[in-house]
Amino acid sequence: MAAPAPTSRRAAIVYNPTKVDLTKLKRAVAKEQKLAGWADSLWLPTTVDDIGGGQARQAIEKHVDVVLAAGGDGTVRAVAEGLRGSGVPMALLPVGTGNILARNLDIAVTQLAASVHTAFTGVDRAIDMGVIELERADRRRETHAFVALAGLGLDAKMIANTRAELKRRVGWLAYVDAIARSMRDSEKIRMRYRLDNDPEHIMNVHTVLVGNVGLLPGNVLLLPEAEPDDGLFDIVTLRPEGLGGWAQIWVRIVWENGVLRRSSVGRRLAGLNRDVRTLRYLKGRRISVRLDRPENFELDGDDFGLVISFEAHVDPAALIVRVPAV
């Protein structure tokens, strides 16, 4: 069958040159754009100083029809931030270790050809984004957007402690080594927080995560009720006491969330509506947190340094993502 006649439709590929096999990627894109009858794609490499946001805005200025984000979670977050509110869809070509957004949207994380095919033939889905203002200890403030998870405590320390060389060799399993080293820090985080218009609360925690999605690598369902398009954050706080507390959290996340919750019988057996002191779930559209000392912070799997406070809100349907057609 002959390829469709060329049209003015055009894609842009924002890619991390340190992570992609550019020859293989260009071959896959050339095949799909020809089959779809699109014009030659625009290629925009990321740099150390601009990991995807500027390239995404450049693609918008060129009036492209879709932007392919080829890289890890950091590249995806930066491209999404650049596309936020533009109406230009983003397609995911995941090549990193986490690929959290792709996993939660059922986009292939190991099949490049399938991901590129989706970019040119898939359907568009509007999802929420998180917008967060971080405050440093010296009162400097900066605003970012995220698509998957933001947090502090064990999660952020784990990312800060992950050895780059080990991550390159074994992928997301490198986080196991980082978790072991991060868990040696048993000091609690004292925080004041306000959720939506509720009164302010004080809590001592080990970890806080604000999520737009809930499935992590390894099929770990951390936030079982999280939906990327419900206009809400799903928030979890971890407050373990010793090894017994960590064991309780592990059972809840891996066994109850990952196995029992998948059926109505399992939910009744597990008593999933009961409160667990070591692990608490919250929902809301806005959360503000102030700490008694600076703590490591992460956005979508990237280390964002130390913060003393943050305020996050949901930006509903702010990002269009190209997903596989059913």
Protein backbone atom coordinates (compact mmCIF):
# COMPACT_ATOMS: atom_id res chain seq x y z
CA MET A 1 0.00 0.00 0.00
CA ALA A 2 1.36 3.42 -0.95
CA ALA A 3 2.17 5.91 1.78
CA PRO A 4 -0.25 8.82 2.28
CA ALA A 5 0.53 12.01 0.41
CA PRO A 6 2.74 14.33 2.50
CA THR A 7 0.93 16.95 4.55
CA SER A 8 1.98 19.96 6.57
CA ARG A 9 1.74 17.97 9.79
CA ARG A 10 5.05 17.77 11.61
CA ALA A 11 6.50 16.31 14.79
CA ALA A 12 9.33 17.56 16.99
CA ILE A 13 11.61 15.21 18.90
CA VAL A 14 13.16 16.56 22.09
CA TYR A 15 15.82 14.03 23.01
CA ASN A 16 18.53 13.54 25.59
CA PRO A 17 21.65 12.76 23.53
CA THR A 18 23.30 10.98 26.46
CA LYS A 19 20.49 8.43 26.76
CA VAL A 20 19.11 7.69 23.30
CA ASP A 21 20.48 5.66 20.44
CA LEU A 22 20.02 8.48 17.93
CA THR A 23 20.56 6.34 14.83
CA LYS A 24 17.92 3.84 15.94
CA LEU A 25 15.52 6.58 16.99
CA LYS A 26 15.85 8.47 13.69
CA ARG A 27 15.22 5.28 11.77
CA ALA A 28 12.03 4.55 13.75
CA VAL A 29 10.75 8.13 13.38
CA ALA A 30 11.50 8.25 9.66
CA LYS A 31 9.49 5.06 9.13
CA GLU A 32 6.43 6.24 11.06
CA GLN A 33 6.36 9.79 9.70
CA LYS A 34 6.51 8.40 6.16
CA LEU A 35 3.67 5.94 6.82
CA ALA A 36 1.60 8.73 8.34
CA GLY A 37 2.40 11.13 5.49
CA TRP A 38 3.92 13.75 7.76
CA ALA A 39 6.71 16.20 6.91
CA ASP A 40 10.25 15.65 8.17
CA SER A 41 10.48 15.98 11.95
CA LEU A 42 12.24 18.73 13.89
CA TRP A 43 15.10 17.42 16.06
CA LEU A 44 15.93 19.30 19.28
CA PRO A 45 18.63 17.89 21.61
CA THR A 46 18.60 18.74 25.29
CA THR A 47 21.62 20.32 26.97
CA VAL A 48 23.04 20.49 30.47
CA ASP A 49 21.60 24.00 30.83
CA ASP A 50 18.21 23.23 29.28
CA ILE A 51 16.92 19.69 29.80
CA GLY A 52 13.77 20.04 27.68
CA GLY A 53 11.64 23.04 28.60
CA GLY A 54 13.18 25.49 26.17
CA GLN A 55 13.14 22.94 23.38
CA ALA A 56 9.43 22.27 23.99
CA ARG A 57 8.65 25.99 23.76
CA GLN A 58 10.70 26.20 20.56
CA ALA A 59 8.61 23.36 19.13
CA ILE A 60 5.42 25.25 19.99
CA GLU A 61 6.74 28.31 18.15
CA LYS A 62 7.34 26.09 15.10
CA HIS A 63 3.66 25.04 15.20
CA VAL A 64 4.38 21.32 15.38
CA ASP A 65 1.53 18.85 15.87
CA VAL A 66 3.15 16.64 18.51
CA VAL A 67 6.32 16.74 20.63
CA LEU A 68 8.09 13.46 21.31
CA ALA A 69 9.99 13.40 24.61
CA ALA A 70 12.86 10.92 24.32
CA GLY A 71 14.68 10.51 27.61
CA GLY A 72 14.24 9.71 31.27
CA ASP A 73 11.73 11.08 33.76
CA GLY A 74 13.66 14.35 34.00
CA THR A 75 13.37 14.96 30.27
CA VAL A 76 9.66 14.09 30.35
CA ARG A 77 9.04 16.49 33.26
CA ALA A 78 10.90 19.35 31.57
CA VAL A 79 9.16 18.86 28.21
CA ALA A 80 5.79 18.64 29.95
CA GLU A 81 6.54 21.86 31.83
CA GLY A 82 7.32 23.57 28.52
CA LEU A 83 4.10 22.25 26.93
CA ARG A 84 1.85 22.94 29.92
CA GLY A 85 -1.37 24.64 28.83
CA SER A 86 -0.33 24.85 25.17
CA GLY A 87 -2.69 22.19 23.82
CA VAL A 88 0.21 20.62 21.88
CA PRO A 89 0.31 16.89 22.70
CA MET A 90 3.36 15.17 24.14
CA ALA A 91 4.32 11.62 23.15
CA LEU A 92 6.55 9.55 25.41
CA LEU A 93 9.61 7.69 24.15
CA PRO A 94 10.85 6.41 27.53
CA VAL A 95 14.50 5.41 27.73
CA GLY A 96 15.24 6.08 31.41
CA THR A 97 15.21 3.91 34.53
CA GLY A 98 11.87 4.93 36.04
CA ASN A 99 9.54 5.88 33.18
CA ILE A 100 6.84 6.52 35.78
CA LEU A 101 4.35 8.45 33.65
CA ALA A 102 4.60 5.97 30.78
CA ARG A 103 3.95 3.05 33.14
CA ASN A 104 0.85 4.73 34.53
CA LEU A 105 -0.54 5.47 31.06
CA ASP A 106 0.12 1.94 29.70
CA ILE A 107 2.72 3.19 27.21
CA ALA A 108 5.42 0.68 26.25
CA VAL A 109 8.62 1.35 28.19
CA THR A 110 10.89 -1.15 26.43
CA GLN A 111 9.62 -1.10 22.83
CA LEU A 112 10.88 1.94 20.95
CA ALA A 113 9.06 1.09 17.72
CA ALA A 114 5.73 0.79 19.53
CA SER A 115 6.24 4.12 21.33
CA VAL A 116 7.11 5.93 18.09
CA HIS A 117 4.09 4.34 16.38
CA THR A 118 1.86 5.66 19.16
CA ALA A 119 3.29 9.16 18.70
CA PHE A 120 2.02 9.27 15.11
CA THR A 121 -1.15 7.16 15.38
CA GLY A 122 -2.35 7.34 18.98
CA VAL A 123 -5.14 9.30 20.63
CA ASP A 124 -4.85 12.30 22.90
CA ARG A 125 -5.60 12.23 26.62
CA ALA A 126 -5.69 15.27 28.88
CA ILE A 127 -4.02 14.76 32.26
CA ASP A 128 -3.38 16.95 35.27
CA MET A 129 -0.07 18.50 36.23
CA GLY A 130 1.26 19.61 39.57
CA VAL A 131 2.60 23.13 39.99
CA ILE A 132 4.89 23.61 42.96
CA GLU A 133 6.67 26.56 44.56
CA LEU A 134 9.80 25.61 46.49
CA GLU A 135 11.35 27.81 49.18
CA ARG A 136 15.03 27.48 50.03
CA ALA A 137 16.58 28.14 53.43
CA ASP A 138 17.77 31.55 52.22
CA ARG A 139 14.13 32.40 51.22
CA ARG A 140 14.77 32.08 47.50
CA ARG A 141 11.67 30.76 45.73
CA GLU A 142 11.31 28.90 42.45
CA THR A 143 8.35 27.41 40.65
CA HIS A 144 8.28 24.13 38.72
CA ALA A 145 5.73 21.72 37.26
CA PHE A 146 5.63 17.95 37.60
CA VAL A 147 3.62 15.07 36.16
CA ALA A 148 4.16 12.14 38.53
CA LEU A 149 5.48 12.61 42.08
CA ALA A 150 6.97 15.22 44.38
CA GLY A 151 8.29 14.50 47.82
CA LEU A 152 10.72 14.67 50.67
CA GLY A 153 12.16 12.27 53.21
CA LEU A 154 13.29 8.75 52.31
CA ASP A 155 12.21 9.11 48.68
CA ALA A 156 14.21 12.29 48.10
CA LYS A 157 17.24 11.06 50.08
CA MET A 158 17.18 7.84 48.08
CA ILE A 159 17.39 9.81 44.84
CA ALA A 160 20.11 12.09 46.20
CA ASN A 161 22.10 9.03 47.35
CA THR A 162 21.75 7.00 44.16
CA ARG A 163 25.14 6.37 42.60
CA ALA A 164 25.09 7.45 38.97
CA GLU A 165 27.39 4.69 37.78
CA LEU A 166 25.33 1.98 39.51
CA LYS A 167 22.12 3.45 38.06
CA ARG A 168 23.67 3.36 34.58
CA ARG A 169 24.61 -0.32 34.97
CA VAL A 170 21.58 -1.82 36.73
CA GLY A 171 18.77 0.70 36.16
CA TRP A 172 16.10 1.30 38.81
CA LEU A 173 17.53 -1.51 40.97
CA ALA A 174 20.24 0.98 41.92
CA TYR A 175 17.62 2.57 44.16
CA VAL A 176 17.74 -0.51 46.41
CA ASP A 177 21.31 0.37 47.33
CA ALA A 178 20.29 4.00 47.91
CA ILE A 179 17.32 3.00 50.08
CA ALA A 180 19.57 0.93 52.33
CA ARG A 181 21.88 3.90 52.87
CA SER A 182 19.04 6.41 53.25
CA MET A 183 17.22 4.34 55.88
CA ARG A 184 20.15 4.77 58.25
CA ASP A 185 18.84 8.29 58.78
CA SER A 186 16.02 7.64 61.26
CA GLU A 187 15.51 11.29 62.20
CA LYS A 188 11.90 12.38 61.85
CA ILE A 189 10.76 15.40 59.87
CA ARG A 190 8.54 17.82 61.77
CA MET A 191 6.17 19.64 59.45
CA ARG A 192 3.23 22.00 59.53
CA TYR A 193 0.83 21.40 56.66
CA ARG A 194 -2.45 22.69 55.32
CA LEU A 195 -4.58 20.73 52.85
CA ASP A 196 -7.01 22.82 50.77
CA ASN A 197 -8.97 25.02 53.20
CA ASP A 198 -8.56 22.75 56.23
CA PRO A 199 -6.93 24.01 59.44
CA GLU A 200 -3.17 23.71 59.79
CA HIS A 201 -1.87 20.45 61.26
CA ILE A 202 1.46 19.40 62.76
CA MET A 203 2.91 15.97 62.04
CA ASN A 204 6.18 14.12 62.53
CA VAL A 205 6.91 11.99 59.47
CA HIS A 206 9.67 10.06 57.78
CA THR A 207 8.50 10.65 54.20
CA VAL A 208 5.85 12.70 52.36
CA LEU A 209 4.87 12.11 48.73
CA VAL A 210 2.45 14.17 46.64
CA GLY A 211 1.33 12.19 43.62
CA ASN A 212 -0.52 12.60 40.36
CA VAL A 213 -0.03 8.89 39.60
CA GLY A 214 0.54 5.91 41.87
CA LEU A 215 2.37 3.05 40.14
CA LEU A 216 6.16 2.86 40.60
CA PRO A 217 8.82 0.68 38.93
CA GLY A 218 8.72 -2.91 40.09
CA ASN A 219 4.90 -2.82 39.92
CA VAL A 220 4.78 -1.15 43.34
CA LEU A 221 1.38 0.50 43.77
CA LEU A 222 2.22 3.28 46.21
CA LEU A 223 -0.91 5.42 45.70
CA PRO A 224 -3.70 2.97 44.81
CA GLU A 225 -6.41 5.56 44.20
CA ALA A 226 -4.34 8.04 42.21
CA GLU A 227 -5.70 8.98 38.78
CA PRO A 228 -3.82 11.34 36.44
CA ASP A 229 -6.98 13.18 35.38
CA ASP A 230 -9.18 13.47 38.50
CA GLY A 231 -8.15 17.01 39.49
CA LEU A 232 -6.73 15.79 42.80
CA PHE A 233 -3.42 14.99 44.42
CA ASP A 234 -3.05 11.70 46.27
CA ILE A 235 -0.72 12.21 49.23
CA VAL A 236 0.92 9.63 51.47
CA THR A 237 2.88 10.10 54.68
CA LEU A 238 5.10 7.37 56.10
CA ARG A 239 5.60 7.28 59.87
CA PRO A 240 7.31 3.99 60.74
CA GLU A 241 8.66 3.11 64.17
CA GLY A 242 11.57 0.73 63.75
CA LEU A 243 11.72 -2.36 61.57
CA GLY A 244 8.20 -3.39 62.57
CA GLY A 245 6.83 -0.13 61.20
CA TRP A 246 8.67 -0.56 57.91
CA ALA A 247 7.36 -4.13 57.68
CA GLN A 248 3.80 -2.88 58.14
CA ILE A 249 4.28 -0.32 55.38
CA TRP A 250 5.79 -2.94 53.07
CA VAL A 251 2.87 -5.32 53.63
CA ARG A 252 0.36 -2.54 52.98
CA ILE A 253 1.99 -1.29 49.77
CA VAL A 254 3.17 -4.55 48.20
CA TRP A 255 0.62 -7.11 49.36
CA GLU A 256 -2.57 -5.18 50.07
CA ASN A 257 -2.25 -2.44 47.44
CA GLY A 258 -0.54 -4.58 44.82
CA VAL A 259 -2.47 -7.84 45.23
CA LEU A 260 -5.57 -7.74 47.42
CA ARG A 261 -6.87 -4.39 46.23
CA ARG A 262 -7.28 -5.73 42.71
CA SER A 263 -10.49 -7.61 43.70
CA SER A 264 -13.54 -6.75 45.83
CA VAL A 265 -13.03 -9.95 47.85
CA GLY A 266 -9.42 -9.02 48.50
CA ARG A 267 -10.39 -5.53 49.64
CA ARG A 268 -12.81 -6.99 52.18
CA LEU A 269 -10.25 -9.50 53.41
CA ALA A 270 -7.62 -6.81 53.87
CA GLY A 271 -9.94 -4.33 55.52
CA LEU A 272 -8.49 -1.61 53.33
CA ASN A 273 -10.60 1.10 54.88
CA ARG A 274 -8.91 0.72 58.27
CA ASP A 275 -6.47 3.35 59.40
CA VAL A 276 -2.80 2.40 59.61
CA ARG A 277 -0.78 4.67 61.83
CA THR A 278 2.48 4.14 59.99
CA LEU A 279 0.97 5.03 56.60
CA ARG A 280 -1.66 7.70 56.04
CA TYR A 281 -3.36 8.69 52.78
CA LEU A 282 -4.80 12.12 52.00
CA LYS A 283 -6.44 13.76 48.98
CA GLY A 284 -6.65 17.40 47.96
CA ARG A 285 -6.17 20.05 45.30
CA ARG A 286 -3.61 22.13 47.17
CA ILE A 287 -1.11 21.42 49.93
CA SER A 288 1.34 23.69 51.71
CA VAL A 289 4.12 22.35 53.95
CA ARG A 290 6.65 24.11 56.18
CA LEU A 291 9.53 22.24 57.81
CA ASP A 292 11.54 22.92 60.92
CA ARG A 293 14.80 22.36 58.97
CA PRO A 294 15.83 22.05 55.29
CA GLU A 295 15.25 18.63 53.71
CA ASN A 296 16.07 16.99 50.39
CA PHE A 297 13.31 17.34 47.79
CA GLU A 298 12.59 15.50 44.55
CA LEU A 299 10.38 16.06 41.51
CA ASP A 300 9.62 13.18 39.14
CA GLY A 301 12.71 11.29 40.23
CA ASP A 302 15.19 14.18 40.07
CA ASP A 303 16.99 15.71 43.03
CA PHE A 304 15.93 19.34 43.59
CA GLY A 305 18.16 20.06 46.56
CA LEU A 306 17.16 21.28 50.02
CA VAL A 307 13.90 23.09 50.77
CA ILE A 308 12.39 24.60 53.89
CA SER A 309 8.82 24.77 52.55
CA PHE A 310 6.70 24.09 49.49
CA GLU A 311 3.22 24.75 48.18
CA ALA A 312 1.71 22.62 45.42
CA HIS A 313 -1.57 22.79 43.52
CA VAL A 314 -3.19 20.76 40.76
CA ASP A 315 -3.45 22.29 37.28
CA PRO A 316 -6.33 20.21 35.84
CA ALA A 317 -6.07 18.85 32.27
CA ALA A 318 -2.98 21.03 31.70
CA LEU A 319 -1.10 18.49 29.57
CA ILE A 320 -2.19 16.52 26.49
CA VAL A 321 -0.47 13.12 26.21
CA ARG A 322 -0.54 10.88 23.13
CA VAL A 323 -1.50 7.35 24.23
CA PRO A 324 -2.06 4.10 22.30
CA ALA A 325 -5.34 3.90 20.39
CA VAL A 326 -7.57 1.13 21.70
